[in-house]
Each structure stands twice: as structure tokens, then as C-alpha cells.
Amino acid sequence: MANNMAMFRAMIHTANIALVKNQFSHFIHKVQNGDTVVVCARNKPVAKIVSLCPPLNCTMAGFDPRVEIFGDLEGPLIPIDQWKMLSD
């Protein structure tokens, strides 16, 4: 479950060019884990490093990526006109 929660704790890191240059592999590792790195020149944002693919070993909300969800997830499962039968 800890791996699945990594997606929900993705962070945005901000660093100046010199720091990114000196610790490039460190920042790339963070991006591979789903974080974003904003690169600044003299403390002004000039670039953003983001992953081209989702974090490794992580699926959306812990669901198996082979699962397909059909229908409306926000609407009721039982049609509204049949709700009365539930109160009997």
C-alpha cells in the first residue's frame, strides 16, 4: 500500500540551476518517482522537469490497471424510481 500512496504524495521541488546541475541524478530520481522539479535562474522559474510516464510500480489508487470500470461511478447503483422499495 505504501507504493500506491506514493502517487498521492507527489511533490514539487524548486531548485536553482547550479544545484540541479550538481545533483542531476538526484532530481531525475525524484521525477521518476512522480515528483516535479521546477528549475530556477536567480530564483525565477525557467523550466519544469516532469516524468514522461507514471511512477514505477504504482497504479492509480491501487487498482489493477487491467480492471475496466463501466458505468457511472458518481450516480446511484439503483434507479431513483426504485428507491421506494428500499424503505419497505
PDB file of N, CA and C in Angstrom:
ATOM      1  N   MET A   1       0.820  -1.194   0.000  1.00  0.00           N
ATOM      2  CA  MET A   1       0.000   0.000   0.000  1.00  0.00           C
ATOM      3  C   MET A   1       0.866   1.260   0.000  1.00  0.00           C
ATOM      4  N   ALA A   2       2.036   1.180   0.604  1.00  0.00           N
ATOM      5  CA  ALA A   2       2.920   2.339   0.634  1.00  0.00           C
ATOM      6  C   ALA A   2       3.302   2.774  -0.775  1.00  0.00           C
ATOM      7  N   ASN A   3       3.554   1.808  -1.686  1.00  0.00           N
ATOM      8  CA  ASN A   3       3.884   2.158  -3.061  1.00  0.00           C
ATOM      9  C   ASN A   3       2.737   2.858  -3.750  1.00  0.00           C
ATOM     10  N   ASN A   4       1.515   2.435  -3.474  1.00  0.00           N
ATOM     11  CA  ASN A   4       0.345   3.046  -4.101  1.00  0.00           C
ATOM     12  C   ASN A   4       0.112   4.457  -3.593  1.00  0.00           C
ATOM     13  N   MET A   5       0.486   4.726  -2.365  1.00  0.00           N
ATOM     14  CA  MET A   5       0.280   6.048  -1.797  1.00  0.00           C
ATOM     15  C   MET A   5       1.307   7.046  -2.322  1.00  0.00           C
ATOM     16  N   ALA A   6       2.392   6.582  -2.930  1.00  0.00           N
ATOM     17  CA  ALA A   6       3.408   7.494  -3.463  1.00  0.00           C
ATOM     18  C   ALA A   6       2.803   8.450  -4.474  1.00  0.00           C
ATOM     19  N   MET A   7       1.814   7.982  -5.220  1.00  0.00           N
ATOM     20  CA  MET A   7       1.189   8.826  -6.217  1.00  0.00           C
ATOM     21  C   MET A   7       0.493  10.020  -5.572  1.00  0.00           C
ATOM     22  N   PHE A   8      -0.028   9.864  -4.380  1.00  0.00           N
ATOM     23  CA  PHE A   8      -0.790  10.911  -3.727  1.00  0.00           C
ATOM     24  C   PHE A   8       0.080  11.872  -2.950  1.00  0.00           C
ATOM     25  N   ARG A   9       1.352  11.556  -2.788  1.00  0.00           N
ATOM     26  CA  ARG A   9       2.225  12.458  -2.059  1.00  0.00           C
ATOM     27  C   ARG A   9       3.288  13.058  -2.974  1.00  0.00           C
ATOM     28  N   ALA A  10       3.015  13.093  -4.277  1.00  0.00           N
ATOM     29  CA  ALA A  10       3.956  13.700  -5.216  1.00  0.00           C
ATOM     30  C   ALA A  10       4.174  15.153  -4.822  1.00  0.00           C
ATOM     31  N   MET A  11       5.412  15.595  -4.958  1.00  0.00           N
ATOM     32  CA  MET A  11       5.772  16.932  -4.519  1.00  0.00           C
ATOM     33  C   MET A  11       6.346  17.733  -5.673  1.00  0.00           C
ATOM     34  N   ILE A  12       6.363  19.035  -5.495  1.00  0.00           N
ATOM     35  CA  ILE A  12       7.019  19.919  -6.433  1.00  0.00           C
ATOM     36  C   ILE A  12       8.263  20.452  -5.738  1.00  0.00           C
ATOM     37  N   HIS A  13       9.423  20.184  -6.324  1.00  0.00           N
ATOM     38  CA  HIS A  13      10.690  20.652  -5.788  1.00  0.00           C
ATOM     39  C   HIS A  13      11.147  21.844  -6.616  1.00  0.00           C
ATOM     40  N   THR A  14      11.703  22.847  -5.968  1.00  0.00           N
ATOM     41  CA  THR A  14      12.235  24.008  -6.653  1.00  0.00           C
ATOM     42  C   THR A  14      13.722  24.090  -6.353  1.00  0.00           C
ATOM     43  N   ALA A  15      14.530  24.283  -7.402  1.00  0.00           N
ATOM     44  CA  ALA A  15      15.978  24.359  -7.218  1.00  0.00           C
ATOM     45  C   ALA A  15      16.583  25.252  -8.288  1.00  0.00           C
ATOM     46  N   ASN A  16      17.667  25.940  -7.911  1.00  0.00           N
ATOM     47  CA  ASN A  16      18.385  26.770  -8.861  1.00  0.00           C
ATOM     48  C   ASN A  16      19.230  25.899  -9.783  1.00  0.00           C
ATOM     49  N   ILE A  17      19.588  26.452 -10.931  1.00  0.00           N
ATOM     50  CA  ILE A  17      20.317  25.712 -11.965  1.00  0.00           C
ATOM     51  C   ILE A  17      21.567  25.045 -11.415  1.00  0.00           C
ATOM     52  N   ALA A  18      22.356  25.750 -10.608  1.00  0.00           N
ATOM     53  CA  ALA A  18      23.611  25.189 -10.085  1.00  0.00           C
ATOM     54  C   ALA A  18      23.348  23.926  -9.278  1.00  0.00           C
ATOM     55  N   LEU A  19      22.326  23.933  -8.442  1.00  0.00           N
ATOM     56  CA  LEU A  19      22.009  22.762  -7.622  1.00  0.00           C
ATOM     57  C   LEU A  19      21.542  21.597  -8.495  1.00  0.00           C
ATOM     58  N   VAL A  20      20.689  21.886  -9.479  1.00  0.00           N
ATOM     59  CA  VAL A  20      20.220  20.832 -10.381  1.00  0.00           C
ATOM     60  C   VAL A  20      21.395  20.243 -11.156  1.00  0.00           C
ATOM     61  N   LYS A  21      22.302  21.095 -11.598  1.00  0.00           N
ATOM     62  CA  LYS A  21      23.480  20.632 -12.337  1.00  0.00           C
ATOM     63  C   LYS A  21      24.343  19.716 -11.472  1.00  0.00           C
ATOM     64  N   ASN A  22      24.563  20.096 -10.224  1.00  0.00           N
ATOM     65  CA  ASN A  22      25.431  19.318  -9.328  1.00  0.00           C
ATOM     66  C   ASN A  22      24.772  18.041  -8.818  1.00  0.00           C
ATOM     67  N   GLN A  23      23.438  18.007  -8.749  1.00  0.00           N
ATOM     68  CA  GLN A  23      22.726  16.847  -8.209  1.00  0.00           C
ATOM     69  C   GLN A  23      21.691  16.335  -9.212  1.00  0.00           C
ATOM     70  N   PHE A  24      22.058  16.341 -10.493  1.00  0.00           N
ATOM     71  CA  PHE A  24      21.117  15.999 -11.550  1.00  0.00           C
ATOM     72  C   PHE A  24      20.483  14.625 -11.350  1.00  0.00           C
ATOM     73  N   SER A  25      21.287  13.611 -11.042  1.00  0.00           N
ATOM     74  CA  SER A  25      20.737  12.259 -10.887  1.00  0.00           C
ATOM     75  C   SER A  25      19.761  12.194  -9.710  1.00  0.00           C
ATOM     76  N   HIS A  26      20.022  12.965  -8.674  1.00  0.00           N
ATOM     77  CA  HIS A  26      19.106  13.024  -7.513  1.00  0.00           C
ATOM     78  C   HIS A  26      17.730  13.554  -7.945  1.00  0.00           C
ATOM     79  N   PHE A  27      17.727  14.629  -8.727  1.00  0.00           N
ATOM     80  CA  PHE A  27      16.462  15.212  -9.168  1.00  0.00           C
ATOM     81  C   PHE A  27      15.758  14.319 -10.191  1.00  0.00           C
ATOM     82  N   ILE A  28      16.516  13.656 -11.059  1.00  0.00           N
ATOM     83  CA  ILE A  28      15.905  12.724 -12.010  1.00  0.00           C
ATOM     84  C   ILE A  28      15.236  11.573 -11.266  1.00  0.00           C
ATOM     85  N   HIS A  29      15.864  11.090 -10.200  1.00  0.00           N
ATOM     86  CA  HIS A  29      15.261  10.026  -9.388  1.00  0.00           C
ATOM     87  C   HIS A  29      13.929  10.502  -8.799  1.00  0.00           C
ATOM     88  N   LYS A  30      13.880  11.730  -8.322  1.00  0.00           N
ATOM     89  CA  LYS A  30      12.630  12.274  -7.774  1.00  0.00           C
ATOM     90  C   LYS A  30      11.549  12.334  -8.857  1.00  0.00           C
ATOM     91  N   VAL A  31      11.930  12.740 -10.065  1.00  0.00           N
ATOM     92  CA  VAL A  31      10.973  12.821 -11.172  1.00  0.00           C
ATOM     93  C   VAL A  31      10.468  11.426 -11.533  1.00  0.00           C
ATOM     94  N   GLN A  32      11.361  10.437 -11.523  1.00  0.00           N
ATOM     95  CA  GLN A  32      10.940   9.066 -11.829  1.00  0.00           C
ATOM     96  C   GLN A  32       9.938   8.548 -10.808  1.00  0.00           C
ATOM     97  N   ASN A  33       9.970   9.083  -9.597  1.00  0.00           N
ATOM     98  CA  ASN A  33       9.033   8.675  -8.550  1.00  0.00           C
ATOM     99  C   ASN A  33       7.762   9.511  -8.535  1.00  0.00           C
ATOM    100  N   GLY A  34       7.576  10.359  -9.558  1.00  0.00           N
ATOM    101  CA  GLY A  34       6.321  11.100  -9.676  1.00  0.00           C
ATOM    102  C   GLY A  34       6.383  12.551  -9.256  1.00  0.00           C
ATOM    103  N   ASP A  35       7.506  13.008  -8.734  1.00  0.00           N
ATOM    104  CA  ASP A  35       7.619  14.402  -8.330  1.00  0.00           C
ATOM    105  C   ASP A  35       7.893  15.290  -9.543  1.00  0.00           C
ATOM    106  N   THR A  36       7.780  16.593  -9.347  1.00  0.00           N
ATOM    107  CA  THR A  36       8.080  17.582 -10.371  1.00  0.00           C
ATOM    108  C   THR A  36       9.200  18.469  -9.864  1.00  0.00           C
ATOM    109  N   VAL A  37      10.105  18.852 -10.740  1.00  0.00           N
ATOM    110  CA  VAL A  37      11.202  19.742 -10.360  1.00  0.00           C
ATOM    111  C   VAL A  37      11.074  21.015 -11.186  1.00  0.00           C
ATOM    112  N   VAL A  38      11.015  22.147 -10.500  1.00  0.00           N
ATOM    113  CA  VAL A  38      11.000  23.451 -11.156  1.00  0.00           C
ATOM    114  C   VAL A  38      12.414  24.010 -11.053  1.00  0.00           C
ATOM    115  N   VAL A  39      13.005  24.315 -12.215  1.00  0.00           N
ATOM    116  CA  VAL A  39      14.367  24.825 -12.268  1.00  0.00           C
ATOM    117  C   VAL A  39      14.302  26.349 -12.363  1.00  0.00           C
ATOM    118  N   CYS A  40      15.079  27.013 -11.491  1.00  0.00           N
ATOM    119  CA  CYS A  40      15.065  28.471 -11.429  1.00  0.00           C
ATOM    120  C   CYS A  40      16.408  29.053 -11.819  1.00  0.00           C
ATOM    121  N   ALA A  41      16.371  30.235 -12.425  1.00  0.00           N
ATOM    122  CA  ALA A  41      17.571  31.035 -12.680  1.00  0.00           C
ATOM    123  C   ALA A  41      17.412  32.305 -11.863  1.00  0.00           C
ATOM    124  N   ARG A  42      18.311  32.486 -10.921  1.00  0.00           N
ATOM    125  CA  ARG A  42      18.231  33.632  -9.992  1.00  0.00           C
ATOM    126  C   ARG A  42      16.868  33.687  -9.300  1.00  0.00           C
ATOM    127  N   ASN A  43      16.424  32.515  -8.843  1.00  0.00           N
ATOM    128  CA  ASN A  43      15.171  32.354  -8.091  1.00  0.00           C
ATOM    129  C   ASN A  43      13.903  32.650  -8.899  1.00  0.00           C
ATOM    130  N   LYS A  44      13.998  32.653 -10.225  1.00  0.00           N
ATOM    131  CA  LYS A  44      12.820  32.821 -11.071  1.00  0.00           C
ATOM    132  C   LYS A  44      12.653  31.548 -11.897  1.00  0.00           C
ATOM    133  N   PRO A  45      11.473  30.921 -11.867  1.00  0.00           N
ATOM    134  CA  PRO A  45      11.250  29.677 -12.608  1.00  0.00           C
ATOM    135  C   PRO A  45      11.484  29.850 -14.109  1.00  0.00           C
ATOM    136  N   VAL A  46      12.271  28.918 -14.688  1.00  0.00           N
ATOM    137  CA  VAL A  46      12.536  28.965 -16.125  1.00  0.00           C
ATOM    138  C   VAL A  46      12.230  27.634 -16.815  1.00  0.00           C
ATOM    139  N   ALA A  47      12.132  26.546 -16.049  1.00  0.00           N
ATOM    140  CA  ALA A  47      11.873  25.235 -16.654  1.00  0.00           C
ATOM    141  C   ALA A  47      11.223  24.317 -15.630  1.00  0.00           C
ATOM    142  N   LYS A  48      10.570  23.284 -16.163  1.00  0.00           N
ATOM    143  CA  LYS A  48       9.943  22.276 -15.307  1.00  0.00           C
ATOM    144  C   LYS A  48      10.343  20.907 -15.826  1.00  0.00           C
ATOM    145  N   ILE A  49      10.792  20.031 -14.902  1.00  0.00           N
ATOM    146  CA  ILE A  49      11.141  18.658 -15.264  1.00  0.00           C
ATOM    147  C   ILE A  49      10.038  17.759 -14.725  1.00  0.00           C
ATOM    148  N   VAL A  50       9.378  17.047 -15.632  1.00  0.00           N
ATOM    149  CA  VAL A  50       8.294  16.134 -15.253  1.00  0.00           C
ATOM    150  C   VAL A  50       8.537  14.782 -15.902  1.00  0.00           C
ATOM    151  N   SER A  51       7.940  13.754 -15.341  1.00  0.00           N
ATOM    152  CA  SER A  51       8.081  12.408 -15.864  1.00  0.00           C
ATOM    153  C   SER A  51       7.263  12.242 -17.143  1.00  0.00           C
ATOM    154  N   LEU A  52       7.794  11.459 -18.078  1.00  0.00           N
ATOM    155  CA  LEU A  52       7.057  11.148 -19.301  1.00  0.00           C
ATOM    156  C   LEU A  52       6.106   9.975 -19.112  1.00  0.00           C
ATOM    157  N   CYS A  53       6.265   9.241 -18.010  1.00  0.00           N
ATOM    158  CA  CYS A  53       5.411   8.093 -17.730  1.00  0.00           C
ATOM    159  C   CYS A  53       5.082   8.086 -16.241  1.00  0.00           C
ATOM    160  N   PRO A  54       4.053   7.342 -15.822  1.00  0.00           N
ATOM    161  CA  PRO A  54       3.680   7.303 -14.413  1.00  0.00           C
ATOM    162  C   PRO A  54       4.792   6.682 -13.569  1.00  0.00           C
ATOM    163  N   PRO A  55       4.780   6.942 -12.256  1.00  0.00           N
ATOM    164  CA  PRO A  55       5.785   6.360 -11.370  1.00  0.00           C
ATOM    165  C   PRO A  55       5.842   4.837 -11.484  1.00  0.00           C
ATOM    166  N   LEU A  56       7.013   4.281 -11.336  1.00  0.00           N
ATOM    167  CA  LEU A  56       7.191   2.840 -11.427  1.00  0.00           C
ATOM    168  C   LEU A  56       6.492   2.127 -10.274  1.00  0.00           C
ATOM    169  N   ASN A  57       5.964   0.930 -10.534  1.00  0.00           N
ATOM    170  CA  ASN A  57       5.332   0.087  -9.516  1.00  0.00           C
ATOM    171  C   ASN A  57       4.195   0.790  -8.792  1.00  0.00           C
ATOM    172  N   CYS A  58       3.467   1.619  -9.477  1.00  0.00           N
ATOM    173  CA  CYS A  58       2.376   2.342  -8.819  1.00  0.00           C
ATOM    174  C   CYS A  58       1.187   2.387  -9.766  1.00  0.00           C
ATOM    175  N   THR A  59       0.024   2.016  -9.278  1.00  0.00           N
ATOM    176  CA  THR A  59      -1.184   2.097 -10.082  1.00  0.00           C
ATOM    177  C   THR A  59      -2.123   3.118  -9.463  1.00  0.00           C
ATOM    178  N   MET A  60      -2.998   3.656 -10.252  1.00  0.00           N
ATOM    179  CA  MET A  60      -3.916   4.686  -9.795  1.00  0.00           C
ATOM    180  C   MET A  60      -4.795   4.175  -8.669  1.00  0.00           C
ATOM    181  N   ALA A  61      -4.682   4.789  -7.513  1.00  0.00           N
ATOM    182  CA  ALA A  61      -5.494   4.465  -6.340  1.00  0.00           C
ATOM    183  C   ALA A  61      -5.426   2.987  -5.965  1.00  0.00           C
ATOM    184  N   GLY A  62      -4.380   2.297  -6.383  1.00  0.00           N
ATOM    185  CA  GLY A  62      -4.203   0.906  -6.004  1.00  0.00           C
ATOM    186  C   GLY A  62      -4.980  -0.082  -6.842  1.00  0.00           C
ATOM    187  N   PHE A  63      -5.671   0.380  -7.893  1.00  0.00           N
ATOM    188  CA  PHE A  63      -6.432  -0.523  -8.733  1.00  0.00           C
ATOM    189  C   PHE A  63      -5.519  -1.254  -9.702  1.00  0.00           C
ATOM    190  N   ASP A  64      -5.862  -2.459 -10.023  1.00  0.00           N
ATOM    191  CA  ASP A  64      -5.136  -3.223 -11.036  1.00  0.00           C
ATOM    192  C   ASP A  64      -5.378  -2.533 -12.377  1.00  0.00           C
ATOM    193  N   PRO A  65      -4.314  -2.190 -13.123  1.00  0.00           N
ATOM    194  CA  PRO A  65      -4.513  -1.462 -14.386  1.00  0.00           C
ATOM    195  C   PRO A  65      -5.289  -2.248 -15.438  1.00  0.00           C
ATOM    196  N   ARG A  66      -5.452  -3.551 -15.245  1.00  0.00           N
ATOM    197  CA  ARG A  66      -6.226  -4.350 -16.195  1.00  0.00           C
ATOM    198  C   ARG A  66      -7.717  -4.271 -15.937  1.00  0.00           C
ATOM    199  N   VAL A  67      -8.130  -3.686 -14.831  1.00  0.00           N
ATOM    200  CA  VAL A  67      -9.543  -3.582 -14.472  1.00  0.00           C
ATOM    201  C   VAL A  67     -10.176  -2.446 -15.265  1.00  0.00           C
ATOM    202  N   GLU A  68     -11.319  -2.706 -15.864  1.00  0.00           N
ATOM    203  CA  GLU A  68     -12.067  -1.676 -16.564  1.00  0.00           C
ATOM    204  C   GLU A  68     -13.336  -1.393 -15.781  1.00  0.00           C
ATOM    205  N   ILE A  69     -13.643  -0.132 -15.600  1.00  0.00           N
ATOM    206  CA  ILE A  69     -14.829   0.273 -14.862  1.00  0.00           C
ATOM    207  C   ILE A  69     -15.855   0.784 -15.861  1.00  0.00           C
ATOM    208  N   PHE A  70     -17.023   0.195 -15.863  1.00  0.00           N
ATOM    209  CA  PHE A  70     -18.089   0.581 -16.767  1.00  0.00           C
ATOM    210  C   PHE A  70     -19.186   1.266 -15.965  1.00  0.00           C
ATOM    211  N   GLY A  71     -19.841   2.215 -16.561  1.00  0.00           N
ATOM    212  CA  GLY A  71     -20.961   2.881 -15.903  1.00  0.00           C
ATOM    213  C   GLY A  71     -20.534   4.158 -15.208  1.00  0.00           C
ATOM    214  N   ASP A  72     -21.467   4.706 -14.461  1.00  0.00           N
ATOM    215  CA  ASP A  72     -21.276   5.975 -13.784  1.00  0.00           C
ATOM    216  C   ASP A  72     -20.859   5.726 -12.342  1.00  0.00           C
ATOM    217  N   LEU A  73     -19.691   6.170 -11.956  1.00  0.00           N
ATOM    218  CA  LEU A  73     -19.231   5.959 -10.583  1.00  0.00           C
ATOM    219  C   LEU A  73     -19.844   6.960  -9.604  1.00  0.00           C
ATOM    220  N   GLU A  74     -20.416   8.048 -10.121  1.00  0.00           N
ATOM    221  CA  GLU A  74     -20.975   9.065  -9.249  1.00  0.00           C
ATOM    222  C   GLU A  74     -22.482   8.920  -9.054  1.00  0.00           C
ATOM    223  N   GLY A  75     -23.143   8.268  -9.966  1.00  0.00           N
ATOM    224  CA  GLY A  75     -24.593   8.120  -9.883  1.00  0.00           C
ATOM    225  C   GLY A  75     -24.984   6.932  -9.011  1.00  0.00           C
ATOM    226  N   PRO A  76     -26.248   6.842  -8.646  1.00  0.00           N
ATOM    227  CA  PRO A  76     -26.711   5.730  -7.825  1.00  0.00           C
ATOM    228  C   PRO A  76     -26.679   4.405  -8.586  1.00  0.00           C
ATOM    229  N   LEU A  77     -26.487   3.321  -7.863  1.00  0.00           N
ATOM    230  CA  LEU A  77     -26.490   1.997  -8.480  1.00  0.00           C
ATOM    231  C   LEU A  77     -27.896   1.538  -8.821  1.00  0.00           C
ATOM    232  N   ILE A  78     -28.857   1.982  -8.029  1.00  0.00           N
ATOM    233  CA  ILE A  78     -30.255   1.616  -8.239  1.00  0.00           C
ATOM    234  C   ILE A  78     -30.973   2.833  -8.814  1.00  0.00           C
ATOM    235  N   PRO A  79     -31.764   2.664  -9.876  1.00  0.00           N
ATOM    236  CA  PRO A  79     -32.503   3.809 -10.429  1.00  0.00           C
ATOM    237  C   PRO A  79     -33.359   4.478  -9.354  1.00  0.00           C
ATOM    238  N   ILE A  80     -33.444   5.778  -9.420  1.00  0.00           N
ATOM    239  CA  ILE A  80     -34.161   6.559  -8.408  1.00  0.00           C
ATOM    240  C   ILE A  80     -35.610   6.111  -8.270  1.00  0.00           C
ATOM    241  N   ASP A  81     -36.263   5.706  -9.351  1.00  0.00           N
ATOM    242  CA  ASP A  81     -37.665   5.290  -9.258  1.00  0.00           C
ATOM    243  C   ASP A  81     -37.834   3.994  -8.469  1.00  0.00           C
ATOM    244  N   GLN A  82     -36.776   3.262  -8.206  1.00  0.00           N
ATOM    245  CA  GLN A  82     -36.852   2.026  -7.432  1.00  0.00           C
ATOM    246  C   GLN A  82     -36.404   2.230  -5.975  1.00  0.00           C
ATOM    247  N   TRP A  83     -36.074   3.430  -5.577  1.00  0.00           N
ATOM    248  CA  TRP A  83     -35.606   3.696  -4.210  1.00  0.00           C
ATOM    249  C   TRP A  83     -36.696   3.398  -3.178  1.00  0.00           C
ATOM    250  N   LYS A  84     -37.945   3.578  -3.553  1.00  0.00           N
ATOM    251  CA  LYS A  84     -39.031   3.373  -2.592  1.00  0.00           C
ATOM    252  C   LYS A  84     -39.018   1.936  -2.049  1.00  0.00           C
ATOM    253  N   MET A  85     -38.662   0.986  -2.885  1.00  0.00           N
ATOM    254  CA  MET A  85     -38.642  -0.400  -2.433  1.00  0.00           C
ATOM    255  C   MET A  85     -37.643  -0.604  -1.303  1.00  0.00           C
ATOM    256  N   LEU A  86     -36.658   0.240  -1.201  1.00  0.00           N
ATOM    257  CA  LEU A  86     -35.665   0.093  -0.123  1.00  0.00           C
ATOM    258  C   LEU A  86     -36.218   0.500   1.227  1.00  0.00           C
ATOM    259  N   SER A  87     -37.220   1.361   1.263  1.00  0.00           N
ATOM    260  CA  SER A  87     -37.779   1.811   2.542  1.00  0.00           C
ATOM    261  C   SER A  87     -38.845   0.881   3.087  1.00  0.00           C
ATOM    262  N   ASP A  88     -39.312  -0.086   2.318  1.00  0.00           N
ATOM    263  CA  ASP A  88     -40.368  -1.007   2.785  1.00  0.00           C
ATOM    264  C   ASP A  88     -39.829  -2.032   3.746  1.00  0.00           C
TER     265      ASP A  88
END
